[in-house]
Amino acid sequence: MSDTTDPTQPSYYTDRAPAAEHQLRADFAHYHQARETYFADPTEENEQRFEDARTADGHWRHGPDPVASHKWQYLWDAVDDWKRAPGAMNRFHDQIQTDLADGYEGLSPDEWRSQQQARELTGHGIWEPETSSTTTASMNAFATAAAEQGHERDGADR
């Protein structure tokens, strides 16, 4: 697989998320795949891959950056929700898309990206990349400005 088609590679997220999230999202995809593979086929080789991937889980979940830890946990919970209740999550996804189209943000941008990634990782849809380089540049600029100000969102009243 090339880097742009493999969700375990940071470059997969170039047109899907701000640059600051690429490694976290790639590590989560790697962890998720290794975990699912091991539980489906608990060979020694798969166990070793899962153990290696658990290092990333510990780094992001318990690391020094509380914002990254929160994003990791939110993504973990979203994957769990998609696995346990895909019908409800599909309805939720459709409603959020409708809300976004109507100009209402029901989730923060990083939560929406996590929902998209969780949906894709669990096989319930495809997370389409943004097609506009302007959109991607805006996404990265937004994330940079928010990080510099210590905010996840733009702080505008909604």
N, C-alpha and C. Protein backbone atom coordinates (compact mmCIF):
# COMPACT_ATOMS: atom_id res chain seq x y z
N MET A 1 0.83 -1.18 0.00
CA MET A 1 0.00 0.00 0.00
C MET A 1 0.88 1.25 0.00
N SER A 2 0.43 2.24 -0.72
CA SER A 2 1.18 3.50 -0.67
C SER A 2 0.77 4.26 0.59
N ASP A 3 1.59 5.21 0.94
CA ASP A 3 1.34 5.97 2.16
C ASP A 3 0.01 6.71 2.16
N THR A 4 -0.50 7.08 0.97
CA THR A 4 -1.75 7.84 0.93
C THR A 4 -2.98 6.94 0.95
N THR A 5 -2.80 5.63 0.91
CA THR A 5 -3.94 4.72 0.98
C THR A 5 -3.90 3.83 2.22
N ASP A 6 -2.87 3.99 3.03
CA ASP A 6 -2.70 3.16 4.22
C ASP A 6 -2.98 4.01 5.47
N PRO A 7 -4.09 3.75 6.17
CA PRO A 7 -4.43 4.58 7.32
C PRO A 7 -3.46 4.46 8.50
N THR A 8 -2.50 3.55 8.42
CA THR A 8 -1.50 3.45 9.49
C THR A 8 -0.30 4.35 9.21
N GLN A 9 -0.35 5.10 8.12
CA GLN A 9 0.73 6.01 7.75
C GLN A 9 0.27 7.47 7.91
N PRO A 10 1.09 8.32 8.51
CA PRO A 10 0.68 9.72 8.71
C PRO A 10 0.25 10.43 7.43
N SER A 11 0.86 10.11 6.30
CA SER A 11 0.52 10.81 5.05
C SER A 11 -0.91 10.52 4.59
N TYR A 12 -1.51 9.46 5.07
CA TYR A 12 -2.91 9.15 4.75
C TYR A 12 -3.83 10.30 5.18
N TYR A 13 -3.45 11.00 6.21
CA TYR A 13 -4.31 12.03 6.82
C TYR A 13 -4.04 13.43 6.29
N THR A 14 -3.15 13.57 5.31
CA THR A 14 -2.78 14.88 4.77
C THR A 14 -4.00 15.69 4.36
N ASP A 15 -4.95 15.07 3.70
CA ASP A 15 -6.15 15.78 3.23
C ASP A 15 -7.38 15.45 4.09
N ARG A 16 -7.13 14.96 5.30
CA ARG A 16 -8.23 14.60 6.19
C ARG A 16 -8.17 15.31 7.54
N ALA A 17 -7.00 15.71 7.97
CA ALA A 17 -6.83 16.27 9.31
C ALA A 17 -5.65 17.24 9.33
N PRO A 18 -5.62 18.11 10.32
CA PRO A 18 -4.47 19.01 10.47
C PRO A 18 -3.18 18.22 10.70
N ALA A 19 -2.08 18.77 10.29
CA ALA A 19 -0.78 18.08 10.39
C ALA A 19 -0.48 17.62 11.81
N ALA A 20 -0.89 18.39 12.79
CA ALA A 20 -0.60 18.02 14.19
C ALA A 20 -1.28 16.72 14.61
N GLU A 21 -2.29 16.28 13.88
CA GLU A 21 -3.01 15.05 14.22
C GLU A 21 -2.55 13.83 13.43
N HIS A 22 -1.74 14.01 12.41
CA HIS A 22 -1.41 12.90 11.51
C HIS A 22 -0.82 11.70 12.24
N GLN A 23 0.18 11.92 13.08
CA GLN A 23 0.85 10.80 13.74
C GLN A 23 -0.10 10.10 14.72
N LEU A 24 -0.85 10.87 15.48
CA LEU A 24 -1.80 10.28 16.42
C LEU A 24 -2.79 9.39 15.69
N ARG A 25 -3.34 9.88 14.60
CA ARG A 25 -4.35 9.11 13.86
C ARG A 25 -3.74 7.88 13.21
N ALA A 26 -2.53 8.00 12.69
CA ALA A 26 -1.85 6.84 12.10
C ALA A 26 -1.53 5.80 13.18
N ASP A 27 -1.04 6.25 14.32
CA ASP A 27 -0.74 5.32 15.41
C ASP A 27 -2.00 4.63 15.90
N PHE A 28 -3.11 5.37 15.96
CA PHE A 28 -4.36 4.75 16.40
C PHE A 28 -4.80 3.69 15.39
N ALA A 29 -4.72 3.99 14.11
CA ALA A 29 -5.11 3.01 13.09
C ALA A 29 -4.24 1.76 13.19
N HIS A 30 -2.95 1.95 13.40
CA HIS A 30 -2.04 0.81 13.55
C HIS A 30 -2.42 -0.01 14.78
N TYR A 31 -2.65 0.66 15.90
CA TYR A 31 -3.04 -0.02 17.12
C TYR A 31 -4.35 -0.79 16.92
N HIS A 32 -5.33 -0.14 16.33
CA HIS A 32 -6.64 -0.77 16.09
C HIS A 32 -6.50 -2.02 15.21
N GLN A 33 -5.75 -1.88 14.12
CA GLN A 33 -5.57 -3.03 13.22
C GLN A 33 -4.84 -4.17 13.91
N ALA A 34 -3.78 -3.86 14.65
CA ALA A 34 -3.02 -4.91 15.34
C ALA A 34 -3.89 -5.60 16.39
N ARG A 35 -4.69 -4.84 17.09
CA ARG A 35 -5.58 -5.39 18.11
C ARG A 35 -6.63 -6.31 17.48
N GLU A 36 -7.27 -5.82 16.45
CA GLU A 36 -8.31 -6.62 15.78
C GLU A 36 -7.72 -7.90 15.18
N THR A 37 -6.55 -7.78 14.58
CA THR A 37 -5.89 -8.96 13.99
C THR A 37 -5.55 -9.98 15.05
N TYR A 38 -5.00 -9.52 16.16
CA TYR A 38 -4.63 -10.45 17.23
C TYR A 38 -5.85 -11.16 17.80
N PHE A 39 -6.93 -10.43 18.06
CA PHE A 39 -8.11 -11.07 18.64
C PHE A 39 -8.80 -12.01 17.66
N ALA A 40 -8.65 -11.76 16.36
CA ALA A 40 -9.23 -12.66 15.36
C ALA A 40 -8.36 -13.89 15.13
N ASP A 41 -7.04 -13.73 15.30
CA ASP A 41 -6.09 -14.82 15.04
C ASP A 41 -4.91 -14.68 16.01
N PRO A 42 -5.06 -15.23 17.23
CA PRO A 42 -4.06 -15.00 18.28
C PRO A 42 -2.78 -15.83 18.14
N THR A 43 -2.09 -15.64 17.02
CA THR A 43 -0.80 -16.31 16.83
C THR A 43 0.28 -15.54 17.57
N GLU A 44 1.44 -16.16 17.73
CA GLU A 44 2.57 -15.48 18.38
C GLU A 44 2.97 -14.23 17.61
N GLU A 45 2.98 -14.34 16.29
CA GLU A 45 3.36 -13.20 15.44
C GLU A 45 2.37 -12.04 15.64
N ASN A 46 1.08 -12.34 15.63
CA ASN A 46 0.08 -11.29 15.83
C ASN A 46 0.12 -10.73 17.25
N GLU A 47 0.44 -11.58 18.21
CA GLU A 47 0.58 -11.11 19.58
C GLU A 47 1.74 -10.12 19.69
N GLN A 48 2.85 -10.41 19.02
CA GLN A 48 3.99 -9.51 19.05
C GLN A 48 3.66 -8.17 18.39
N ARG A 49 2.95 -8.22 17.28
CA ARG A 49 2.54 -6.97 16.61
C ARG A 49 1.62 -6.15 17.52
N PHE A 50 0.71 -6.84 18.20
CA PHE A 50 -0.19 -6.14 19.10
C PHE A 50 0.57 -5.55 20.27
N GLU A 51 1.51 -6.28 20.82
CA GLU A 51 2.32 -5.76 21.93
C GLU A 51 3.12 -4.53 21.49
N ASP A 52 3.67 -4.58 20.28
CA ASP A 52 4.39 -3.42 19.75
C ASP A 52 3.47 -2.21 19.61
N ALA A 53 2.25 -2.46 19.13
CA ALA A 53 1.29 -1.37 18.94
C ALA A 53 0.80 -0.81 20.27
N ARG A 54 0.82 -1.61 21.31
CA ARG A 54 0.38 -1.14 22.62
C ARG A 54 1.31 -0.05 23.17
N THR A 55 2.52 0.00 22.68
CA THR A 55 3.44 1.07 23.07
C THR A 55 2.86 2.43 22.67
N ALA A 56 2.33 2.50 21.46
CA ALA A 56 1.71 3.75 20.99
C ALA A 56 0.48 4.08 21.83
N ASP A 57 -0.30 3.06 22.16
CA ASP A 57 -1.48 3.29 23.00
C ASP A 57 -1.07 3.93 24.33
N GLY A 58 -0.05 3.38 24.96
CA GLY A 58 0.43 3.94 26.22
C GLY A 58 0.96 5.35 26.07
N HIS A 59 1.68 5.58 24.97
CA HIS A 59 2.25 6.92 24.72
C HIS A 59 1.14 7.97 24.60
N TRP A 60 0.14 7.70 23.79
CA TRP A 60 -0.90 8.69 23.55
C TRP A 60 -1.89 8.77 24.71
N ARG A 61 -2.25 7.63 25.27
CA ARG A 61 -3.26 7.61 26.32
C ARG A 61 -2.73 8.21 27.63
N HIS A 62 -1.47 7.93 27.95
CA HIS A 62 -0.92 8.34 29.25
C HIS A 62 0.27 9.30 29.12
N GLY A 63 0.44 9.87 27.93
CA GLY A 63 1.58 10.74 27.69
C GLY A 63 1.43 12.11 28.35
N PRO A 64 2.42 12.96 28.14
CA PRO A 64 2.44 14.26 28.81
C PRO A 64 1.48 15.30 28.23
N ASP A 65 0.91 15.03 27.06
CA ASP A 65 0.02 16.00 26.41
C ASP A 65 -1.44 15.64 26.68
N PRO A 66 -2.12 16.37 27.59
CA PRO A 66 -3.50 16.01 27.92
C PRO A 66 -4.47 16.18 26.76
N VAL A 67 -4.20 17.11 25.85
CA VAL A 67 -5.08 17.28 24.69
C VAL A 67 -4.99 16.06 23.79
N ALA A 68 -3.76 15.58 23.53
CA ALA A 68 -3.59 14.38 22.71
C ALA A 68 -4.20 13.17 23.41
N SER A 69 -4.04 13.07 24.71
CA SER A 69 -4.64 11.95 25.46
C SER A 69 -6.15 11.97 25.32
N HIS A 70 -6.74 13.16 25.39
CA HIS A 70 -8.19 13.28 25.23
C HIS A 70 -8.62 12.86 23.82
N LYS A 71 -7.88 13.31 22.82
CA LYS A 71 -8.22 12.94 21.44
C LYS A 71 -8.13 11.43 21.25
N TRP A 72 -7.08 10.81 21.80
CA TRP A 72 -6.91 9.36 21.69
C TRP A 72 -8.09 8.65 22.35
N GLN A 73 -8.45 9.08 23.56
CA GLN A 73 -9.56 8.44 24.27
C GLN A 73 -10.88 8.64 23.55
N TYR A 74 -11.10 9.83 22.99
CA TYR A 74 -12.33 10.08 22.24
C TYR A 74 -12.39 9.15 21.04
N LEU A 75 -11.28 8.99 20.35
CA LEU A 75 -11.23 8.11 19.19
C LEU A 75 -11.48 6.66 19.61
N TRP A 76 -10.88 6.26 20.71
CA TRP A 76 -11.10 4.91 21.25
C TRP A 76 -12.60 4.69 21.52
N ASP A 77 -13.23 5.66 22.18
CA ASP A 77 -14.65 5.56 22.51
C ASP A 77 -15.52 5.55 21.25
N ALA A 78 -15.14 6.37 20.27
CA ALA A 78 -15.90 6.41 19.02
C ALA A 78 -15.83 5.07 18.30
N VAL A 79 -14.66 4.45 18.26
CA VAL A 79 -14.54 3.12 17.65
C VAL A 79 -15.42 2.13 18.39
N ASP A 80 -15.39 2.18 19.69
CA ASP A 80 -16.22 1.28 20.49
C ASP A 80 -17.71 1.50 20.18
N ASP A 81 -18.13 2.75 20.07
CA ASP A 81 -19.53 3.05 19.73
C ASP A 81 -19.90 2.49 18.37
N TRP A 82 -19.03 2.67 17.38
CA TRP A 82 -19.31 2.18 16.03
C TRP A 82 -19.37 0.65 16.00
N LYS A 83 -18.56 0.01 16.82
CA LYS A 83 -18.59 -1.46 16.86
C LYS A 83 -19.85 -1.98 17.55
N ARG A 84 -20.25 -1.32 18.62
CA ARG A 84 -21.38 -1.79 19.43
C ARG A 84 -22.75 -1.43 18.86
N ALA A 85 -22.87 -0.28 18.24
CA ALA A 85 -24.18 0.20 17.78
C ALA A 85 -24.07 0.90 16.43
N PRO A 86 -23.72 0.16 15.38
CA PRO A 86 -23.51 0.81 14.08
C PRO A 86 -24.75 1.49 13.52
N GLY A 87 -25.92 0.94 13.77
CA GLY A 87 -27.15 1.57 13.28
C GLY A 87 -27.36 2.94 13.90
N ALA A 88 -27.23 3.01 15.21
CA ALA A 88 -27.38 4.29 15.91
C ALA A 88 -26.29 5.27 15.48
N MET A 89 -25.08 4.76 15.30
CA MET A 89 -23.99 5.64 14.91
C MET A 89 -24.16 6.15 13.48
N ASN A 90 -24.72 5.33 12.58
CA ASN A 90 -25.00 5.80 11.23
C ASN A 90 -26.03 6.93 11.26
N ARG A 91 -27.07 6.78 12.09
CA ARG A 91 -28.06 7.85 12.22
C ARG A 91 -27.42 9.11 12.79
N PHE A 92 -26.56 8.94 13.79
CA PHE A 92 -25.83 10.06 14.39
C PHE A 92 -24.97 10.75 13.33
N HIS A 93 -24.24 9.96 12.56
CA HIS A 93 -23.38 10.50 11.49
C HIS A 93 -24.20 11.29 10.48
N ASP A 94 -25.32 10.73 10.05
CA ASP A 94 -26.17 11.42 9.08
C ASP A 94 -26.70 12.74 9.65
N GLN A 95 -27.08 12.75 10.93
CA GLN A 95 -27.59 13.97 11.55
C GLN A 95 -26.50 15.03 11.65
N ILE A 96 -25.30 14.62 12.01
CA ILE A 96 -24.19 15.59 12.09
C ILE A 96 -23.91 16.17 10.72
N GLN A 97 -23.92 15.34 9.68
CA GLN A 97 -23.70 15.85 8.32
C GLN A 97 -24.77 16.87 7.95
N THR A 98 -26.01 16.57 8.29
CA THR A 98 -27.11 17.51 8.02
C THR A 98 -26.89 18.81 8.79
N ASP A 99 -26.54 18.68 10.07
CA ASP A 99 -26.29 19.87 10.89
C ASP A 99 -25.16 20.72 10.31
N LEU A 100 -24.07 20.07 9.89
CA LEU A 100 -22.94 20.80 9.31
C LEU A 100 -23.36 21.53 8.03
N ALA A 101 -24.15 20.85 7.20
CA ALA A 101 -24.62 21.47 5.96
C ALA A 101 -25.51 22.68 6.25
N ASP A 102 -26.20 22.65 7.40
CA ASP A 102 -27.07 23.76 7.79
C ASP A 102 -26.31 24.84 8.57
N GLY A 103 -24.99 24.65 8.74
CA GLY A 103 -24.18 25.65 9.41
C GLY A 103 -24.08 25.49 10.92
N TYR A 104 -24.53 24.38 11.44
CA TYR A 104 -24.47 24.14 12.88
C TYR A 104 -23.40 23.11 13.19
N GLU A 105 -22.51 23.43 14.13
CA GLU A 105 -21.46 22.50 14.55
C GLU A 105 -21.90 21.78 15.81
N GLY A 106 -22.32 20.53 15.69
CA GLY A 106 -22.72 19.75 16.84
C GLY A 106 -21.54 19.11 17.54
N LEU A 107 -20.45 18.98 16.84
CA LEU A 107 -19.21 18.43 17.38
C LEU A 107 -18.08 19.39 17.06
N SER A 108 -17.01 19.33 17.84
CA SER A 108 -15.83 20.11 17.48
C SER A 108 -15.22 19.49 16.22
N PRO A 109 -14.43 20.24 15.49
CA PRO A 109 -13.82 19.68 14.28
C PRO A 109 -13.00 18.41 14.54
N ASP A 110 -12.25 18.35 15.64
CA ASP A 110 -11.46 17.14 15.88
C ASP A 110 -12.35 15.97 16.28
N GLU A 111 -13.47 16.22 16.96
CA GLU A 111 -14.41 15.13 17.27
C GLU A 111 -15.05 14.59 16.00
N TRP A 112 -15.40 15.49 15.07
CA TRP A 112 -15.98 15.05 13.80
C TRP A 112 -14.96 14.20 13.02
N ARG A 113 -13.70 14.62 13.01
CA ARG A 113 -12.68 13.83 12.32
C ARG A 113 -12.54 12.46 12.99
N SER A 114 -12.61 12.42 14.30
CA SER A 114 -12.52 11.14 15.01
C SER A 114 -13.72 10.25 14.69
N GLN A 115 -14.88 10.84 14.58
CA GLN A 115 -16.05 10.04 14.19
C GLN A 115 -15.87 9.48 12.77
N GLN A 116 -15.34 10.30 11.89
CA GLN A 116 -15.09 9.84 10.52
C GLN A 116 -14.08 8.69 10.50
N GLN A 117 -13.00 8.85 11.26
CA GLN A 117 -11.98 7.82 11.30
C GLN A 117 -12.51 6.54 11.94
N ALA A 118 -13.25 6.66 13.03
CA ALA A 118 -13.81 5.49 13.70
C ALA A 118 -14.77 4.75 12.77
N ARG A 119 -15.57 5.49 12.07
CA ARG A 119 -16.52 4.90 11.10
C ARG A 119 -15.75 4.10 10.05
N GLU A 120 -14.68 4.67 9.55
CA GLU A 120 -13.89 3.99 8.52
C GLU A 120 -13.17 2.77 9.10
N LEU A 121 -12.53 2.92 10.26
CA LEU A 121 -11.78 1.80 10.85
C LEU A 121 -12.66 0.60 11.16
N THR A 122 -13.92 0.85 11.48
CA THR A 122 -14.82 -0.25 11.82
C THR A 122 -15.58 -0.78 10.61
N GLY A 123 -15.28 -0.24 9.43
CA GLY A 123 -15.88 -0.77 8.20
C GLY A 123 -17.29 -0.29 7.91
N HIS A 124 -17.68 0.86 8.45
CA HIS A 124 -19.04 1.35 8.25
C HIS A 124 -19.12 2.54 7.31
N GLY A 125 -18.03 2.87 6.65
CA GLY A 125 -18.02 3.97 5.71
C GLY A 125 -16.60 4.35 5.35
N ILE A 126 -16.50 5.25 4.42
CA ILE A 126 -15.20 5.73 3.96
C ILE A 126 -15.04 7.19 4.37
N TRP A 127 -13.88 7.50 4.90
CA TRP A 127 -13.56 8.88 5.24
C TRP A 127 -12.92 9.50 4.01
N GLU A 128 -13.70 10.24 3.28
CA GLU A 128 -13.21 10.85 2.05
C GLU A 128 -12.27 12.01 2.37
N PRO A 129 -11.16 12.10 1.65
CA PRO A 129 -10.26 13.25 1.86
C PRO A 129 -10.92 14.53 1.35
N GLU A 130 -10.50 15.64 1.92
CA GLU A 130 -10.95 16.93 1.41
C GLU A 130 -10.36 17.10 0.02
N THR A 131 -11.14 17.59 -0.91
CA THR A 131 -10.65 17.71 -2.28
C THR A 131 -10.00 19.05 -2.56
N SER A 132 -10.21 20.01 -1.71
CA SER A 132 -9.66 21.34 -1.94
C SER A 132 -8.41 21.55 -1.10
N SER A 133 -7.32 21.94 -1.75
CA SER A 133 -6.11 22.24 -1.00
C SER A 133 -6.33 23.47 -0.12
N THR A 134 -7.25 24.34 -0.52
CA THR A 134 -7.59 25.50 0.30
C THR A 134 -8.22 25.04 1.61
N THR A 135 -9.10 24.04 1.54
CA THR A 135 -9.74 23.50 2.74
C THR A 135 -8.69 22.91 3.67
N THR A 136 -7.76 22.15 3.11
CA THR A 136 -6.71 21.54 3.92
C THR A 136 -5.82 22.61 4.54
N ALA A 137 -5.46 23.61 3.77
CA ALA A 137 -4.63 24.70 4.31
C ALA A 137 -5.38 25.43 5.41
N SER A 138 -6.67 25.66 5.23
CA SER A 138 -7.47 26.32 6.27
C SER A 138 -7.55 25.46 7.52
N MET A 139 -7.70 24.15 7.33
CA MET A 139 -7.78 23.23 8.46
C MET A 139 -6.49 23.28 9.27
N ASN A 140 -5.35 23.27 8.59
CA ASN A 140 -4.07 23.33 9.29
C ASN A 140 -3.86 24.69 9.95
N ALA A 141 -4.27 25.77 9.30
CA ALA A 141 -4.13 27.10 9.89
C ALA A 141 -5.02 27.24 11.11
N PHE A 142 -6.24 26.71 11.02
CA PHE A 142 -7.17 26.74 12.15
C PHE A 142 -6.58 26.00 13.34
N ALA A 143 -6.06 24.81 13.10
CA ALA A 143 -5.50 24.00 14.18
C ALA A 143 -4.28 24.69 14.81
N THR A 144 -3.44 25.30 13.98
CA THR A 144 -2.26 26.00 14.49
C THR A 144 -2.67 27.18 15.35
N ALA A 145 -3.62 27.98 14.86
CA ALA A 145 -4.07 29.15 15.62
C ALA A 145 -4.72 28.72 16.93
N ALA A 146 -5.52 27.68 16.89
CA ALA A 146 -6.18 27.19 18.11
C ALA A 146 -5.15 26.69 19.11
N ALA A 147 -4.16 25.98 18.63
CA ALA A 147 -3.12 25.45 19.53
C ALA A 147 -2.33 26.59 20.16
N GLU A 148 -2.03 27.61 19.37
CA GLU A 148 -1.27 28.74 19.90
C GLU A 148 -2.05 29.48 20.98
N GLN A 149 -3.38 29.48 20.84
CA GLN A 149 -4.21 30.16 21.82
C GLN A 149 -4.68 29.22 22.93
N GLY A 150 -4.34 27.94 22.81
CA GLY A 150 -4.72 26.97 23.82
C GLY A 150 -6.17 26.54 23.72
N HIS A 151 -6.76 26.64 22.52
CA HIS A 151 -8.16 26.27 22.32
C HIS A 151 -8.26 25.15 21.29
N GLU A 152 -9.27 24.33 21.47
CA GLU A 152 -9.58 23.30 20.48
C GLU A 152 -10.45 23.89 19.37
N ARG A 153 -11.32 24.81 19.74
CA ARG A 153 -12.24 25.41 18.79
C ARG A 153 -11.85 26.87 18.58
N ASP A 154 -12.55 27.53 17.67
CA ASP A 154 -12.18 28.90 17.35
C ASP A 154 -12.69 29.91 18.37
N GLY A 155 -13.45 29.50 19.33
CA GLY A 155 -13.90 30.38 20.39
C GLY A 155 -15.07 31.26 20.01
N ALA A 156 -15.56 31.18 18.77
CA ALA A 156 -16.69 31.99 18.36
C ALA A 156 -17.96 31.51 19.06
N ASP A 157 -18.78 32.47 19.41
CA ASP A 157 -20.07 32.09 19.99
C ASP A 157 -20.94 31.47 18.92
N ARG A 158 -21.60 30.42 19.28
CA ARG A 158 -22.46 29.74 18.30
C ARG A 158 -23.87 29.72 18.81
